[in-house]
Protein backbone atom coordinates (compact mmCIF):
# COMPACT_ATOMS: atom_id res chain seq x y z
CA MET A 1 32.12 -113.16 -71.30
CA THR A 2 33.54 -110.93 -74.03
CA ARG A 3 32.57 -111.81 -77.58
CA ARG A 4 35.48 -112.86 -79.70
CA PRO A 5 35.51 -111.38 -83.20
CA SER A 6 35.09 -113.64 -86.21
CA VAL A 7 37.79 -114.23 -88.80
CA ASP A 8 35.72 -112.09 -91.19
CA GLU A 9 36.45 -109.07 -88.98
CA ALA A 10 40.24 -109.59 -88.92
CA VAL A 11 41.29 -107.31 -91.80
CA GLY A 12 39.24 -104.41 -90.45
CA LEU A 13 40.64 -104.89 -86.96
CA LEU A 14 44.23 -104.97 -88.24
CA GLU A 15 43.61 -101.84 -90.31
CA GLY A 16 42.14 -100.20 -87.21
CA GLU A 17 45.31 -100.97 -85.23
CA LEU A 18 47.46 -99.55 -88.02
CA ARG A 19 45.44 -96.32 -87.92
CA ALA A 20 45.20 -96.19 -84.12
CA GLY A 21 47.65 -93.28 -83.94
CA ARG A 22 45.52 -91.39 -86.49
CA ARG A 23 48.41 -91.46 -88.93
CA ALA A 24 48.18 -92.38 -92.59
CA LEU A 25 49.67 -95.73 -93.57
CA ALA A 26 52.24 -93.86 -95.67
CA ASP A 27 53.54 -92.19 -92.49
CA LEU A 28 54.16 -95.42 -90.58
CA GLY A 29 57.60 -96.93 -90.12
CA THR A 30 58.30 -100.64 -89.95
CA GLU A 31 58.49 -100.55 -86.16
CA ASP A 32 55.10 -98.76 -85.99
CA VAL A 33 53.58 -101.52 -88.12
CA TRP A 34 55.16 -104.19 -85.89
CA TRP A 35 53.62 -102.73 -82.72
CA ALA A 36 50.20 -102.44 -84.41
CA PHE A 37 50.48 -106.07 -85.54
CA LEU A 38 51.29 -107.16 -81.97
CA ARG A 39 48.22 -105.32 -80.64
CA PHE A 40 46.19 -107.14 -83.31
CA GLY A 41 47.95 -110.39 -82.36
CA ARG A 42 46.91 -110.10 -78.72
CA ARG A 43 43.23 -110.12 -79.69
CA LEU A 44 41.70 -113.59 -79.57
CA PHE A 45 39.32 -114.64 -82.34
CA ASP A 46 36.44 -117.10 -82.56
CA VAL A 47 38.37 -120.01 -84.08
CA SER A 48 38.73 -123.73 -83.39
CA GLU A 49 40.58 -124.61 -80.21
CA VAL A 50 43.32 -126.67 -81.91
CA PRO A 51 46.95 -125.82 -81.05
CA ASP A 52 47.65 -124.34 -84.50
CA GLY A 53 44.23 -122.76 -85.05
CA ASP A 54 45.44 -119.19 -84.59
CA GLY A 55 49.00 -118.32 -85.51
CA LEU A 56 51.19 -115.32 -86.09
CA LEU A 57 54.03 -115.34 -88.61
CA PHE A 58 56.91 -112.88 -88.75
CA GLN A 59 59.01 -113.23 -91.89
CA TYR A 60 61.28 -111.14 -94.03
CA GLY A 61 63.42 -111.44 -97.12
CA THR A 62 64.00 -110.10 -100.60
CA TYR A 63 61.30 -111.40 -102.94
CA SER A 64 60.13 -110.80 -106.52
CA PHE A 65 56.41 -111.43 -106.06
CA ASP A 66 55.24 -108.93 -108.66
CA GLY A 67 58.22 -107.33 -110.36
CA SER A 68 61.67 -106.33 -109.24
CA PRO A 69 63.21 -107.75 -106.04
CA THR A 70 61.91 -105.96 -102.94
CA PHE A 71 62.80 -106.45 -99.30
CA THR A 72 59.54 -107.34 -97.58
CA VAL A 73 58.56 -107.81 -93.95
CA ASP A 74 55.42 -109.95 -93.98
CA LEU A 75 53.40 -110.04 -90.77
CA THR A 76 50.70 -112.69 -91.10
CA ARG A 77 47.89 -113.97 -88.94
CA GLN A 78 46.68 -117.44 -89.90
CA PHE A 79 43.36 -118.89 -88.79
CA GLU A 80 42.21 -122.46 -89.24
CA VAL A 81 38.61 -122.69 -90.44
CA SER A 82 36.72 -125.89 -89.69
CA ASP A 83 33.75 -127.43 -91.48
CA ALA A 84 30.39 -128.26 -89.88
CA ASP A 85 31.84 -131.50 -88.46
CA GLY A 86 34.75 -129.69 -86.81
CA ASP A 87 37.33 -130.97 -89.30
CA HIS A 88 39.90 -128.77 -90.99
CA ASP A 89 38.47 -127.06 -94.07
CA HIS A 90 40.98 -124.32 -94.96
CA TYR A 91 43.15 -121.53 -93.61
CA VAL A 92 42.58 -117.80 -93.82
CA GLN A 93 45.67 -115.62 -93.76
CA VAL A 94 45.59 -111.90 -93.05
CA HIS A 95 48.80 -110.29 -94.28
CA CYS A 96 50.41 -106.98 -93.54
CA GLU A 97 53.24 -106.60 -96.04
CA VAL A 98 55.80 -103.89 -95.45
CA ARG A 99 57.79 -103.35 -98.64
CA CYS A 100 61.05 -101.48 -98.30
CA GLY A 101 62.84 -101.33 -101.64
CA SER A 102 66.07 -103.20 -102.24
CA GLY A 103 69.81 -102.93 -101.97
CA PRO A 104 72.88 -104.88 -100.88
CA ALA A 105 72.38 -104.18 -97.16
CA LEU A 106 68.83 -105.53 -97.26
CA GLU A 107 69.76 -108.52 -99.40
CA ALA A 108 72.56 -109.28 -96.90
CA LEU A 109 69.91 -109.82 -94.21
CA GLY A 110 68.82 -112.94 -96.09
CA SER A 111 65.46 -114.35 -95.12
CA PHE A 112 63.92 -115.39 -91.82
CA ASP A 113 60.61 -116.67 -90.46
CA SER A 114 59.18 -117.44 -87.06
CA TRP A 115 55.73 -118.70 -86.01
CA PHE A 116 53.74 -118.23 -82.81
CA PHE A 117 50.52 -120.14 -82.07
CA HIS A 118 48.10 -119.04 -79.36
CA GLY A 119 47.06 -122.62 -78.59
CA ALA A 120 50.58 -124.05 -78.27
CA GLY A 121 51.19 -122.81 -74.72
CA ASP A 122 53.91 -120.29 -75.60
CA ASP A 123 53.87 -116.66 -74.52
CA LEU A 124 53.25 -114.01 -77.18
CA GLU A 125 55.29 -111.37 -75.35
CA ASP A 126 58.29 -113.73 -75.10
CA TRP A 127 58.05 -114.48 -78.84
CA ALA A 128 57.89 -110.77 -79.68
CA ARG A 129 60.83 -109.96 -77.41
CA GLU A 130 62.95 -112.72 -78.98
CA LEU A 131 62.26 -111.30 -82.44
CA THR A 132 63.21 -107.76 -81.43
CA GLU A 133 66.45 -109.11 -79.94
CA LEU A 134 67.57 -110.47 -83.32
CA SER A 135 70.58 -108.62 -84.72
CA ALA A 136 68.66 -108.01 -87.98
CA TRP A 137 65.91 -106.19 -86.05
CA THR A 138 68.24 -103.20 -85.62
CA THR A 139 68.14 -102.74 -89.41
CA VAL A 140 64.56 -103.90 -90.01
CA ARG A 141 62.96 -101.65 -87.40
CA MET A 142 64.43 -98.50 -88.93
CA LEU A 143 63.23 -99.17 -92.48
CA ALA A 144 60.96 -96.64 -94.13
CA PRO A 145 58.35 -98.58 -96.11
CA THR A 146 57.76 -97.78 -99.74
CA GLU A 147 54.40 -99.56 -99.49
CA ILE A 148 52.21 -101.17 -96.83
CA ARG A 149 49.61 -103.67 -98.03
CA VAL A 150 46.92 -105.34 -95.92
CA PHE A 151 45.04 -108.21 -97.53
CA GLN A 152 43.41 -111.56 -96.84
CA GLU A 153 43.74 -114.85 -98.68
CA GLN A 154 42.31 -118.32 -98.31
CA LEU A 155 44.58 -121.38 -98.48
């Protein structure tokens, strides 16, 4: 049986996927980041076996998190962490934020989010295909990021 990585290894594994083509983060396009995130999303982790214990989130919109409004594609992996008794303790989220500046065309895309959970019985490849068939994907996939941030937070 193959060992599943721990949640503590997630950031490093995502960063490894982003650098898999031996390109600097600054040279990646939004579509490159998406494919790296999907490779990361296919990897199963050592988490609780509850239906929402391991989820992927694709979301975008224009946000002012730390300054002026910026169109951001946020690709997030969320893990449920249980306590010693097996009860929910907290979530760990590993984010890959793709920031792309601003402008009327990006603001016109509005905002969108979609979740996938490994334990819910859905197919990851179907979820990914549905997202890339969205009309907004034509615009989003061609965006040149101004910044790519990978970080982890506990909720």
